[in-house]
Amino acid sequence: REEAAKRGLEVECRQSNSEGEIVTLIQQAYKVFDGIVINPAAYTHTSV
């Protein structure tokens, strides 16, 4: 949040342990957010 403010960016942070919830967050971002920063953690290596 501090780093986003320094850059004049609006940021929303979300965390989930659920793959399906992460997919839903991405889908809900459509036409709402201009960019996504994602740390998919363990799903990095497994989630098509």
ModelCIF file with pLDDT and N, C-alpha, C, O atoms, coordinates in Angstrom:
data_MODEL
#
_entry.id   MODEL 
#
_entity.id                         1 
_entity.type                       polymer 
_entity.pdbx_number_of_molecules   1 
#
_entity_poly.entity_id                      1 
_entity_poly.type                           'polypeptide(L)' 
_entity_poly.nstd_linkage                   no 
_entity_poly.nstd_monomer                   no 
_entity_poly.pdbx_seq_one_letter_code       REEAAKRGLEVECRQSNSEGEIVTLIQQAYKVFDGIVINPAAYTHTSV 
_entity_poly.pdbx_seq_one_letter_code_can   REEAAKRGLEVECRQSNSEGEIVTLIQQAYKVFDGIVINPAAYTHTSV 
_entity_poly.pdbx_strand_id                 A 
#
loop_
_entity_poly_seq.entity_id 
_entity_poly_seq.num 
_entity_poly_seq.mon_id 
_entity_poly_seq.hetero 
1 1  ARG n 
1 2  GLU n 
1 3  GLU n 
1 4  ALA n 
1 5  ALA n 
1 6  LYS n 
1 7  ARG n 
1 8  GLY n 
1 9  LEU n 
1 10 GLU n 
1 11 VAL n 
1 12 GLU n 
1 13 CYS n 
1 14 ARG n 
1 15 GLN n 
1 16 SER n 
1 17 ASN n 
1 18 SER n 
1 19 GLU n 
1 20 GLY n 
1 21 GLU n 
1 22 ILE n 
1 23 VAL n 
1 24 THR n 
1 25 LEU n 
1 26 ILE n 
1 27 GLN n 
1 28 GLN n 
1 29 ALA n 
1 30 TYR n 
1 31 LYS n 
1 32 VAL n 
1 33 PHE n 
1 34 ASP n 
1 35 GLY n 
1 36 ILE n 
1 37 VAL n 
1 38 ILE n 
1 39 ASN n 
1 40 PRO n 
1 41 ALA n 
1 42 ALA n 
1 43 TYR n 
1 44 THR n 
1 45 HIS n 
1 46 THR n 
1 47 SER n 
1 48 VAL n 
#
_struct_asym.id          A 
_struct_asym.entity_id   1 
#
loop_
_ma_qa_metric.id 
_ma_qa_metric.mode 
_ma_qa_metric.name 
_ma_qa_metric.software_group_id 
_ma_qa_metric.type 
1 global pLDDT . pLDDT 
2 local  pLDDT . pLDDT 
#
_ma_qa_metric_global.metric_id      1 
_ma_qa_metric_global.metric_value   97.00 
_ma_qa_metric_global.model_id       1 
_ma_qa_metric_global.ordinal_id     1 
#
loop_
_ma_qa_metric_local.label_asym_id 
_ma_qa_metric_local.label_comp_id 
_ma_qa_metric_local.label_seq_id 
_ma_qa_metric_local.metric_id 
_ma_qa_metric_local.metric_value 
_ma_qa_metric_local.model_id 
_ma_qa_metric_local.ordinal_id 
A ARG 1  2 98.00 1 1  
A GLU 2  2 98.00 1 2  
A GLU 3  2 98.00 1 3  
A ALA 4  2 98.00 1 4  
A ALA 5  2 98.00 1 5  
A LYS 6  2 97.00 1 6  
A ARG 7  2 97.00 1 7  
A GLY 8  2 97.00 1 8  
A LEU 9  2 98.00 1 9  
A GLU 10 2 98.00 1 10 
A VAL 11 2 98.00 1 11 
A GLU 12 2 98.00 1 12 
A CYS 13 2 98.00 1 13 
A ARG 14 2 98.00 1 14 
A GLN 15 2 98.00 1 15 
A SER 16 2 98.00 1 16 
A ASN 17 2 98.00 1 17 
A SER 18 2 98.00 1 18 
A GLU 19 2 98.00 1 19 
A GLY 20 2 98.00 1 20 
A GLU 21 2 98.00 1 21 
A ILE 22 2 98.00 1 22 
A VAL 23 2 98.00 1 23 
A THR 24 2 98.00 1 24 
A LEU 25 2 98.00 1 25 
A ILE 26 2 98.00 1 26 
A GLN 27 2 98.00 1 27 
A GLN 28 2 98.00 1 28 
A ALA 29 2 98.00 1 29 
A TYR 30 2 98.00 1 30 
A LYS 31 2 98.00 1 31 
A VAL 32 2 98.00 1 32 
A PHE 33 2 98.00 1 33 
A ASP 34 2 98.00 1 34 
A GLY 35 2 98.00 1 35 
A ILE 36 2 98.00 1 36 
A VAL 37 2 98.00 1 37 
A ILE 38 2 98.00 1 38 
A ASN 39 2 97.00 1 39 
A PRO 40 2 97.00 1 40 
A ALA 41 2 93.00 1 41 
A ALA 42 2 91.00 1 42 
A TYR 43 2 95.00 1 43 
A THR 44 2 93.00 1 44 
A HIS 45 2 87.00 1 45 
A THR 46 2 90.00 1 46 
A SER 47 2 95.00 1 47 
A VAL 48 2 97.00 1 48 
#
loop_
_atom_site.group_PDB 
_atom_site.id 
_atom_site.type_symbol 
_atom_site.label_atom_id 
_atom_site.label_alt_id 
_atom_site.label_comp_id 
_atom_site.label_asym_id 
_atom_site.label_entity_id 
_atom_site.label_seq_id 
_atom_site.pdbx_PDB_ins_code 
_atom_site.Cartn_x 
_atom_site.Cartn_y 
_atom_site.Cartn_z 
_atom_site.occupancy 
_atom_site.B_iso_or_equiv 
_atom_site.pdbx_formal_charge 
_atom_site.auth_seq_id 
_atom_site.auth_comp_id 
_atom_site.auth_asym_id 
_atom_site.auth_atom_id 
_atom_site.pdbx_PDB_model_num 
ATOM 1   N N  . ARG A 1 1  ? 0.831   -1.218  0.000   1.00 98.00 ? 1  ARG A N  1 
ATOM 2   C CA . ARG A 1 1  ? 0.000   0.000   0.000   1.00 98.00 ? 1  ARG A CA 1 
ATOM 3   C C  . ARG A 1 1  ? 0.859   1.259   0.000   1.00 98.00 ? 1  ARG A C  1 
ATOM 4   O O  . ARG A 1 1  ? 0.564   2.219   -0.713  1.00 98.00 ? 1  ARG A O  1 
ATOM 5   N N  . GLU A 1 2  ? 1.917   1.253   0.797   1.00 98.00 ? 2  GLU A N  1 
ATOM 6   C CA . GLU A 1 2  ? 2.820   2.410   0.866   1.00 98.00 ? 2  GLU A CA 1 
ATOM 7   C C  . GLU A 1 2  ? 3.514   2.634   -0.470  1.00 98.00 ? 2  GLU A C  1 
ATOM 8   O O  . GLU A 1 2  ? 3.604   3.765   -0.947  1.00 98.00 ? 2  GLU A O  1 
ATOM 9   N N  . GLU A 1 3  ? 4.006   1.550   -1.073  1.00 98.00 ? 3  GLU A N  1 
ATOM 10  C CA . GLU A 1 3  ? 4.710   1.662   -2.354  1.00 98.00 ? 3  GLU A CA 1 
ATOM 11  C C  . GLU A 1 3  ? 3.753   2.088   -3.471  1.00 98.00 ? 3  GLU A C  1 
ATOM 12  O O  . GLU A 1 3  ? 4.139   2.856   -4.352  1.00 98.00 ? 3  GLU A O  1 
ATOM 13  N N  . ALA A 1 4  ? 2.518   1.601   -3.442  1.00 98.00 ? 4  ALA A N  1 
ATOM 14  C CA . ALA A 1 4  ? 1.516   2.008   -4.441  1.00 98.00 ? 4  ALA A CA 1 
ATOM 15  C C  . ALA A 1 4  ? 1.222   3.497   -4.314  1.00 98.00 ? 4  ALA A C  1 
ATOM 16  O O  . ALA A 1 4  ? 1.148   4.203   -5.320  1.00 98.00 ? 4  ALA A O  1 
ATOM 17  N N  . ALA A 1 5  ? 1.052   3.980   -3.082  1.00 98.00 ? 5  ALA A N  1 
ATOM 18  C CA . ALA A 1 5  ? 0.769   5.397   -2.849  1.00 98.00 ? 5  ALA A CA 1 
ATOM 19  C C  . ALA A 1 5  ? 1.895   6.276   -3.380  1.00 98.00 ? 5  ALA A C  1 
ATOM 20  O O  . ALA A 1 5  ? 1.635   7.329   -3.961  1.00 98.00 ? 5  ALA A O  1 
ATOM 21  N N  . LYS A 1 6  ? 3.138   5.855   -3.187  1.00 97.00 ? 6  LYS A N  1 
ATOM 22  C CA . LYS A 1 6  ? 4.291   6.619   -3.689  1.00 97.00 ? 6  LYS A CA 1 
ATOM 23  C C  . LYS A 1 6  ? 4.240   6.775   -5.206  1.00 97.00 ? 6  LYS A C  1 
ATOM 24  O O  . LYS A 1 6  ? 4.743   7.756   -5.754  1.00 97.00 ? 6  LYS A O  1 
ATOM 25  N N  . ARG A 1 7  ? 3.636   5.811   -5.873  1.00 97.00 ? 7  ARG A N  1 
ATOM 26  C CA . ARG A 1 7  ? 3.587   5.791   -7.333  1.00 97.00 ? 7  ARG A CA 1 
ATOM 27  C C  . ARG A 1 7  ? 2.262   6.314   -7.889  1.00 97.00 ? 7  ARG A C  1 
ATOM 28  O O  . ARG A 1 7  ? 2.057   6.344   -9.103  1.00 97.00 ? 7  ARG A O  1 
ATOM 29  N N  . GLY A 1 8  ? 1.377   6.722   -6.999  1.00 97.00 ? 8  GLY A N  1 
ATOM 30  C CA . GLY A 1 8  ? 0.088   7.231   -7.427  1.00 97.00 ? 8  GLY A CA 1 
ATOM 31  C C  . GLY A 1 8  ? -0.849  6.152   -7.949  1.00 97.00 ? 8  GLY A C  1 
ATOM 32  O O  . GLY A 1 8  ? -1.727  6.426   -8.767  1.00 97.00 ? 8  GLY A O  1 
ATOM 33  N N  . LEU A 1 9  ? -0.663  4.936   -7.479  1.00 98.00 ? 9  LEU A N  1 
ATOM 34  C CA . LEU A 1 9  ? -1.488  3.808   -7.897  1.00 98.00 ? 9  LEU A CA 1 
ATOM 35  C C  . LEU A 1 9  ? -2.516  3.477   -6.820  1.00 98.00 ? 9  LEU A C  1 
ATOM 36  O O  . LEU A 1 9  ? -2.237  3.574   -5.625  1.00 98.00 ? 9  LEU A O  1 
ATOM 37  N N  . GLU A 1 10 ? -3.686  3.091   -7.255  1.00 98.00 ? 10 GLU A N  1 
ATOM 38  C CA . GLU A 1 10 ? -4.706  2.566   -6.341  1.00 98.00 ? 10 GLU A CA 1 
ATOM 39  C C  . GLU A 1 10 ? -4.513  1.057   -6.305  1.00 98.00 ? 10 GLU A C  1 
ATOM 40  O O  . GLU A 1 10 ? -4.387  0.424   -7.354  1.00 98.00 ? 10 GLU A O  1 
ATOM 41  N N  . VAL A 1 11 ? -4.489  0.478   -5.115  1.00 98.00 ? 11 VAL A N  1 
ATOM 42  C CA . VAL A 1 11 ? -4.194  -0.945  -5.005  1.00 98.00 ? 11 VAL A CA 1 
ATOM 43  C C  . VAL A 1 11 ? -5.194  -1.632  -4.081  1.00 98.00 ? 11 VAL A C  1 
ATOM 44  O O  . VAL A 1 11 ? -5.614  -1.078  -3.065  1.00 98.00 ? 11 VAL A O  1 
ATOM 45  N N  . GLU A 1 12 ? -5.557  -2.834  -4.455  1.00 98.00 ? 12 GLU A N  1 
ATOM 46  C CA . GLU A 1 12 ? -6.375  -3.700  -3.600  1.00 98.00 ? 12 GLU A CA 1 
ATOM 47  C C  . GLU A 1 12 ? -5.612  -5.003  -3.424  1.00 98.00 ? 12 GLU A C  1 
ATOM 48  O O  . GLU A 1 12 ? -5.213  -5.629  -4.406  1.00 98.00 ? 12 GLU A O  1 
ATOM 49  N N  . CYS A 1 13 ? -5.406  -5.413  -2.177  1.00 98.00 ? 13 CYS A N  1 
ATOM 50  C CA . CYS A 1 13 ? -4.668  -6.634  -1.871  1.00 98.00 ? 13 CYS A CA 1 
ATOM 51  C C  . CYS A 1 13 ? -5.631  -7.718  -1.421  1.00 98.00 ? 13 CYS A C  1 
ATOM 52  O O  . CYS A 1 13 ? -6.494  -7.494  -0.572  1.00 98.00 ? 13 CYS A O  1 
ATOM 53  N N  . ARG A 1 14 ? -5.467  -8.894  -2.004  1.00 98.00 ? 14 ARG A N  1 
ATOM 54  C CA . ARG A 1 14 ? -6.289  -10.047 -1.639  1.00 98.00 ? 14 ARG A CA 1 
ATOM 55  C C  . ARG A 1 14 ? -5.370  -11.255 -1.469  1.00 98.00 ? 14 ARG A C  1 
ATOM 56  O O  . ARG A 1 14 ? -4.340  -11.367 -2.133  1.00 98.00 ? 14 ARG A O  1 
ATOM 57  N N  . GLN A 1 15 ? -5.761  -12.151 -0.571  1.00 98.00 ? 15 GLN A N  1 
ATOM 58  C CA . GLN A 1 15 ? -5.013  -13.388 -0.349  1.00 98.00 ? 15 GLN A CA 1 
ATOM 59  C C  . GLN A 1 15 ? -6.006  -14.525 -0.269  1.00 98.00 ? 15 GLN A C  1 
ATOM 60  O O  . GLN A 1 15 ? -7.076  -14.394 0.326   1.00 98.00 ? 15 GLN A O  1 
ATOM 61  N N  . SER A 1 16 ? -5.639  -15.655 -0.881  1.00 98.00 ? 16 SER A N  1 
ATOM 62  C CA . SER A 1 16 ? -6.483  -16.836 -0.796  1.00 98.00 ? 16 SER A CA 1 
ATOM 63  C C  . SER A 1 16 ? -5.627  -18.091 -0.826  1.00 98.00 ? 16 SER A C  1 
ATOM 64  O O  . SER A 1 16 ? -4.602  -18.158 -1.504  1.00 98.00 ? 16 SER A O  1 
ATOM 65  N N  . ASN A 1 17 ? -6.078  -19.072 -0.078  1.00 98.00 ? 17 ASN A N  1 
ATOM 66  C CA . ASN A 1 17 ? -5.456  -20.391 -0.114  1.00 98.00 ? 17 ASN A CA 1 
ATOM 67  C C  . ASN A 1 17 ? -6.158  -21.307 -1.115  1.00 98.00 ? 17 ASN A C  1 
ATOM 68  O O  . ASN A 1 17 ? -5.776  -22.466 -1.277  1.00 98.00 ? 17 ASN A O  1 
ATOM 69  N N  . SER A 1 18 ? -7.177  -20.789 -1.779  1.00 98.00 ? 18 SER A N  1 
ATOM 70  C CA . SER A 1 18 ? -8.016  -21.586 -2.672  1.00 98.00 ? 18 SER A CA 1 
ATOM 71  C C  . SER A 1 18 ? -7.789  -21.222 -4.138  1.00 98.00 ? 18 SER A C  1 
ATOM 72  O O  . SER A 1 18 ? -7.907  -20.058 -4.519  1.00 98.00 ? 18 SER A O  1 
ATOM 73  N N  . GLU A 1 19 ? -7.471  -22.200 -4.938  1.00 98.00 ? 19 GLU A N  1 
ATOM 74  C CA . GLU A 1 19 ? -7.260  -21.985 -6.371  1.00 98.00 ? 19 GLU A CA 1 
ATOM 75  C C  . GLU A 1 19 ? -8.507  -21.408 -7.028  1.00 98.00 ? 19 GLU A C  1 
ATOM 76  O O  . GLU A 1 19 ? -8.414  -20.461 -7.809  1.00 98.00 ? 19 GLU A O  1 
ATOM 77  N N  . GLY A 1 20 ? -9.665  -21.965 -6.722  1.00 98.00 ? 20 GLY A N  1 
ATOM 78  C CA . GLY A 1 20 ? -10.910 -21.484 -7.319  1.00 98.00 ? 20 GLY A CA 1 
ATOM 79  C C  . GLY A 1 20 ? -11.196 -20.041 -6.967  1.00 98.00 ? 20 GLY A C  1 
ATOM 80  O O  . GLY A 1 20 ? -11.677 -19.283 -7.809  1.00 98.00 ? 20 GLY A O  1 
ATOM 81  N N  . GLU A 1 21 ? -10.908 -19.648 -5.738  1.00 98.00 ? 21 GLU A N  1 
ATOM 82  C CA . GLU A 1 21 ? -11.130 -18.265 -5.331  1.00 98.00 ? 21 GLU A CA 1 
ATOM 83  C C  . GLU A 1 21 ? -10.185 -17.324 -6.078  1.00 98.00 ? 21 GLU A C  1 
ATOM 84  O O  . GLU A 1 21 ? -10.574 -16.217 -6.450  1.00 98.00 ? 21 GLU A O  1 
ATOM 85  N N  . ILE A 1 22 ? -8.956  -17.762 -6.294  1.00 98.00 ? 22 ILE A N  1 
ATOM 86  C CA . ILE A 1 22 ? -8.008  -16.942 -7.052  1.00 98.00 ? 22 ILE A CA 1 
ATOM 87  C C  . ILE A 1 22 ? -8.498  -16.766 -8.486  1.00 98.00 ? 22 ILE A C  1 
ATOM 88  O O  . ILE A 1 22 ? -8.424  -15.667 -9.036  1.00 98.00 ? 22 ILE A O  1 
ATOM 89  N N  . VAL A 1 23 ? -8.995  -17.833 -9.092  1.00 98.00 ? 23 VAL A N  1 
ATOM 90  C CA . VAL A 1 23 ? -9.568  -17.740 -10.442 1.00 98.00 ? 23 VAL A CA 1 
ATOM 91  C C  . VAL A 1 23 ? -10.729 -16.746 -10.446 1.00 98.00 ? 23 VAL A C  1 
ATOM 92  O O  . VAL A 1 23 ? -10.832 -15.918 -11.351 1.00 98.00 ? 23 VAL A O  1 
ATOM 93  N N  . THR A 1 24 ? -11.589 -16.824 -9.452  1.00 98.00 ? 24 THR A N  1 
ATOM 94  C CA . THR A 1 24 ? -12.724 -15.902 -9.363  1.00 98.00 ? 24 THR A CA 1 
ATOM 95  C C  . THR A 1 24 ? -12.246 -14.454 -9.208  1.00 98.00 ? 24 THR A C  1 
ATOM 96  O O  . THR A 1 24 ? -12.802 -13.558 -9.843  1.00 98.00 ? 24 THR A O  1 
ATOM 97  N N  . LEU A 1 25 ? -11.234 -14.209 -8.382  1.00 98.00 ? 25 LEU A N  1 
ATOM 98  C CA . LEU A 1 25 ? -10.693 -12.854 -8.231  1.00 98.00 ? 25 LEU A CA 1 
ATOM 99  C C  . LEU A 1 25 ? -10.189 -12.312 -9.564  1.00 98.00 ? 25 LEU A C  1 
ATOM 100 O O  . LEU A 1 25 ? -10.421 -11.151 -9.899  1.00 98.00 ? 25 LEU A O  1 
ATOM 101 N N  . ILE A 1 26 ? -9.505  -13.152 -10.314 1.00 98.00 ? 26 ILE A N  1 
ATOM 102 C CA . ILE A 1 26 ? -8.999  -12.741 -11.630 1.00 98.00 ? 26 ILE A CA 1 
ATOM 103 C C  . ILE A 1 26 ? -10.161 -12.422 -12.561 1.00 98.00 ? 26 ILE A C  1 
ATOM 104 O O  . ILE A 1 26 ? -10.143 -11.399 -13.246 1.00 98.00 ? 26 ILE A O  1 
ATOM 105 N N  . GLN A 1 27 ? -11.157 -13.275 -12.591 1.00 98.00 ? 27 GLN A N  1 
ATOM 106 C CA . GLN A 1 27 ? -12.315 -13.033 -13.452 1.00 98.00 ? 27 GLN A CA 1 
ATOM 107 C C  . GLN A 1 27 ? -13.039 -11.754 -13.060 1.00 98.00 ? 27 GLN A C  1 
ATOM 108 O O  . GLN A 1 27 ? -13.449 -10.986 -13.931 1.00 98.00 ? 27 GLN A O  1 
ATOM 109 N N  . GLN A 1 28 ? -13.200 -11.514 -11.778 1.00 98.00 ? 28 GLN A N  1 
ATOM 110 C CA . GLN A 1 28 ? -13.890 -10.310 -11.294 1.00 98.00 ? 28 GLN A CA 1 
ATOM 111 C C  . GLN A 1 28 ? -13.090 -9.033  -11.563 1.00 98.00 ? 28 GLN A C  1 
ATOM 112 O O  . GLN A 1 28 ? -13.647 -7.936  -11.526 1.00 98.00 ? 28 GLN A O  1 
ATOM 113 N N  . ALA A 1 29 ? -11.796 -9.170  -11.831 1.00 98.00 ? 29 ALA A N  1 
ATOM 114 C CA . ALA A 1 29 ? -10.952 -8.011  -12.123 1.00 98.00 ? 29 ALA A CA 1 
ATOM 115 C C  . ALA A 1 29 ? -11.209 -7.448  -13.519 1.00 98.00 ? 29 ALA A C  1 
ATOM 116 O O  . ALA A 1 29 ? -10.834 -6.312  -13.807 1.00 98.00 ? 29 ALA A O  1 
ATOM 117 N N  . TYR A 1 30 ? -11.840 -8.229  -14.378 1.00 98.00 ? 30 TYR A N  1 
ATOM 118 C CA . TYR A 1 30 ? -12.095 -7.824  -15.759 1.00 98.00 ? 30 TYR A CA 1 
ATOM 119 C C  . TYR A 1 30 ? -12.880 -6.514  -15.805 1.00 98.00 ? 30 TYR A C  1 
ATOM 120 O O  . TYR A 1 30 ? -13.944 -6.389  -15.199 1.00 98.00 ? 30 TYR A O  1 
ATOM 121 N N  . LYS A 1 31 ? -12.341 -5.555  -16.527 1.00 98.00 ? 31 LYS A N  1 
ATOM 122 C CA . LYS A 1 31 ? -12.923 -4.217  -16.701 1.00 98.00 ? 31 LYS A CA 1 
ATOM 123 C C  . LYS A 1 31 ? -13.036 -3.416  -15.397 1.00 98.00 ? 31 LYS A C  1 
ATOM 124 O O  . LYS A 1 31 ? -13.725 -2.397  -15.348 1.00 98.00 ? 31 LYS A O  1 
ATOM 125 N N  . VAL A 1 32 ? -12.363 -3.877  -14.351 1.00 98.00 ? 32 VAL A N  1 
ATOM 126 C CA . VAL A 1 32 ? -12.346 -3.175  -13.071 1.00 98.00 ? 32 VAL A CA 1 
ATOM 127 C C  . VAL A 1 32 ? -10.927 -2.692  -12.749 1.00 98.00 ? 32 VAL A C  1 
ATOM 128 O O  . VAL A 1 32 ? -10.738 -1.573  -12.273 1.00 98.00 ? 32 VAL A O  1 
ATOM 129 N N  . PHE A 1 33 ? -9.936  -3.547  -13.015 1.00 98.00 ? 33 PHE A N  1 
ATOM 130 C CA . PHE A 1 33 ? -8.538  -3.242  -12.703 1.00 98.00 ? 33 PHE A CA 1 
ATOM 131 C C  . PHE A 1 33 ? -7.732  -3.079  -13.984 1.00 98.00 ? 33 PHE A C  1 
ATOM 132 O O  . PHE A 1 33 ? -8.025  -3.690  -15.011 1.00 98.00 ? 33 PHE A O  1 
ATOM 133 N N  . ASP A 1 34 ? -6.708  -2.234  -13.893 1.00 98.00 ? 34 ASP A N  1 
ATOM 134 C CA . ASP A 1 34 ? -5.824  -1.979  -15.031 1.00 98.00 ? 34 ASP A CA 1 
ATOM 135 C C  . ASP A 1 34 ? -4.625  -2.919  -15.059 1.00 98.00 ? 34 ASP A C  1 
ATOM 136 O O  . ASP A 1 34 ? -3.970  -3.066  -16.090 1.00 98.00 ? 34 ASP A O  1 
ATOM 137 N N  . GLY A 1 35 ? -4.341  -3.547  -13.939 1.00 98.00 ? 35 GLY A N  1 
ATOM 138 C CA . GLY A 1 35 ? -3.206  -4.446  -13.852 1.00 98.00 ? 35 GLY A CA 1 
ATOM 139 C C  . GLY A 1 35 ? -3.371  -5.399  -12.691 1.00 98.00 ? 35 GLY A C  1 
ATOM 140 O O  . GLY A 1 35 ? -4.119  -5.143  -11.747 1.00 98.00 ? 35 GLY A O  1 
ATOM 141 N N  . ILE A 1 36 ? -2.651  -6.510  -12.783 1.00 98.00 ? 36 ILE A N  1 
ATOM 142 C CA . ILE A 1 36 ? -2.646  -7.520  -11.721 1.00 98.00 ? 36 ILE A CA 1 
ATOM 143 C C  . ILE A 1 36 ? -1.197  -7.810  -11.345 1.00 98.00 ? 36 ILE A C  1 
ATOM 144 O O  . ILE A 1 36 ? -0.348  -8.030  -12.208 1.00 98.00 ? 36 ILE A O  1 
ATOM 145 N N  . VAL A 1 37 ? -0.936  -7.806  -10.051 1.00 98.00 ? 37 VAL A N  1 
ATOM 146 C CA . VAL A 1 37 ? 0.317   -8.335  -9.512  1.00 98.00 ? 37 VAL A CA 1 
ATOM 147 C C  . VAL A 1 37 ? -0.088  -9.604  -8.793  1.00 98.00 ? 37 VAL A C  1 
ATOM 148 O O  . VAL A 1 37 ? -0.959  -9.580  -7.924  1.00 98.00 ? 37 VAL A O  1 
ATOM 149 N N  . ILE A 1 38 ? 0.542   -10.714 -9.152  1.00 98.00 ? 38 ILE A N  1 
ATOM 150 C CA . ILE A 1 38 ? 0.145   -11.984 -8.549  1.00 98.00 ? 38 ILE A CA 1 
ATOM 151 C C  . ILE A 1 38 ? 1.364   -12.762 -8.074  1.00 98.00 ? 38 ILE A C  1 
ATOM 152 O O  . ILE A 1 38 ? 2.349   -12.931 -8.794  1.00 98.00 ? 38 ILE A O  1 
ATOM 153 N N  . ASN A 1 39 ? 1.259   -13.228 -6.834  1.00 97.00 ? 39 ASN A N  1 
ATOM 154 C CA . ASN A 1 39 ? 2.184   -14.218 -6.300  1.00 97.00 ? 39 ASN A CA 1 
ATOM 155 C C  . ASN A 1 39 ? 1.332   -15.466 -6.090  1.00 97.00 ? 39 ASN A C  1 
ATOM 156 O O  . ASN A 1 39 ? 0.708   -15.628 -5.041  1.00 97.00 ? 39 ASN A O  1 
ATOM 157 N N  . PRO A 1 40 ? 1.307   -16.347 -7.089  1.00 97.00 ? 40 PRO A N  1 
ATOM 158 C CA . PRO A 1 40 ? 0.434   -17.510 -6.996  1.00 97.00 ? 40 PRO A CA 1 
ATOM 159 C C  . PRO A 1 40 ? 0.947   -18.588 -6.046  1.00 97.00 ? 40 PRO A C  1 
ATOM 160 O O  . PRO A 1 40 ? 0.287   -19.606 -5.839  1.00 97.00 ? 40 PRO A O  1 
ATOM 161 N N  . ALA A 1 41 ? 2.127   -18.359 -5.469  1.00 93.00 ? 41 ALA A N  1 
ATOM 162 C CA . ALA A 1 41 ? 2.716   -19.307 -4.511  1.00 93.00 ? 41 ALA A CA 1 
ATOM 163 C C  . ALA A 1 41 ? 2.751   -20.711 -5.124  1.00 93.00 ? 41 ALA A C  1 
ATOM 164 O O  . ALA A 1 41 ? 3.165   -20.862 -6.273  1.00 93.00 ? 41 ALA A O  1 
ATOM 165 N N  . ALA A 1 42 ? 2.333   -21.721 -4.395  1.00 91.00 ? 42 ALA A N  1 
ATOM 166 C CA . ALA A 1 42 ? 2.426   -23.098 -4.888  1.00 91.00 ? 42 ALA A CA 1 
ATOM 167 C C  . ALA A 1 42 ? 1.652   -23.324 -6.182  1.00 91.00 ? 42 ALA A C  1 
ATOM 168 O O  . ALA A 1 42 ? 1.993   -24.213 -6.962  1.00 91.00 ? 42 ALA A O  1 
ATOM 169 N N  . TYR A 1 43 ? 0.611   -22.526 -6.414  1.00 95.00 ? 43 TYR A N  1 
ATOM 170 C CA . TYR A 1 43 ? -0.164  -22.685 -7.657  1.00 95.00 ? 43 TYR A CA 1 
ATOM 171 C C  . TYR A 1 43 ? 0.631   -22.257 -8.891  1.00 95.00 ? 43 TYR A C  1 
ATOM 172 O O  . TYR A 1 43 ? 0.231   -22.556 -10.016 1.00 95.00 ? 43 TYR A O  1 
ATOM 173 N N  . THR A 1 44 ? 1.736   -21.569 -8.693  1.00 93.00 ? 44 THR A N  1 
ATOM 174 C CA . THR A 1 44 ? 2.637   -21.203 -9.785  1.00 93.00 ? 44 THR A CA 1 
ATOM 175 C C  . THR A 1 44 ? 2.950   -22.408 -10.649 1.00 93.00 ? 44 THR A C  1 
ATOM 176 O O  . THR A 1 44 ? 2.953   -22.334 -11.877 1.00 93.00 ? 44 THR A O  1 
ATOM 177 N N  . HIS A 1 45 ? 3.214   -23.519 -9.980  1.00 87.00 ? 45 HIS A N  1 
ATOM 178 C CA . HIS A 1 45 ? 3.776   -24.705 -10.624 1.00 87.00 ? 45 HIS A CA 1 
ATOM 179 C C  . HIS A 1 45 ? 2.724   -25.727 -11.012 1.00 87.00 ? 45 HIS A C  1 
ATOM 180 O O  . HIS A 1 45 ? 3.044   -26.754 -11.610 1.00 87.00 ? 45 HIS A O  1 
ATOM 181 N N  . THR A 1 46 ? 1.464   -25.451 -10.676 1.00 90.00 ? 46 THR A N  1 
ATOM 182 C CA . THR A 1 46 ? 0.434   -26.474 -10.874 1.00 90.00 ? 46 THR A CA 1 
ATOM 183 C C  . THR A 1 46 ? -0.836  -26.002 -11.555 1.00 90.00 ? 46 THR A C  1 
ATOM 184 O O  . THR A 1 46 ? -1.609  -26.829 -12.039 1.00 90.00 ? 46 THR A O  1 
ATOM 185 N N  . SER A 1 47 ? -1.078  -24.699 -11.608 1.00 95.00 ? 47 SER A N  1 
ATOM 186 C CA . SER A 1 47 ? -2.414  -24.245 -11.964 1.00 95.00 ? 47 SER A CA 1 
ATOM 187 C C  . SER A 1 47 ? -2.567  -23.738 -13.393 1.00 95.00 ? 47 SER A C  1 
ATOM 188 O O  . SER A 1 47 ? -2.227  -22.600 -13.716 1.00 95.00 ? 47 SER A O  1 
ATOM 189 N N  . VAL A 1 48 ? -3.084  -24.613 -14.223 1.00 97.00 ? 48 VAL A N  1 
ATOM 190 C CA . VAL A 1 48 ? -3.493  -24.207 -15.561 1.00 97.00 ? 48 VAL A CA 1 
ATOM 191 C C  . VAL A 1 48 ? -4.744  -23.341 -15.454 1.00 97.00 ? 48 VAL A C  1 
ATOM 192 O O  . VAL A 1 48 ? -5.267  -22.884 -16.471 1.00 97.00 ? 48 VAL A O  1 
#
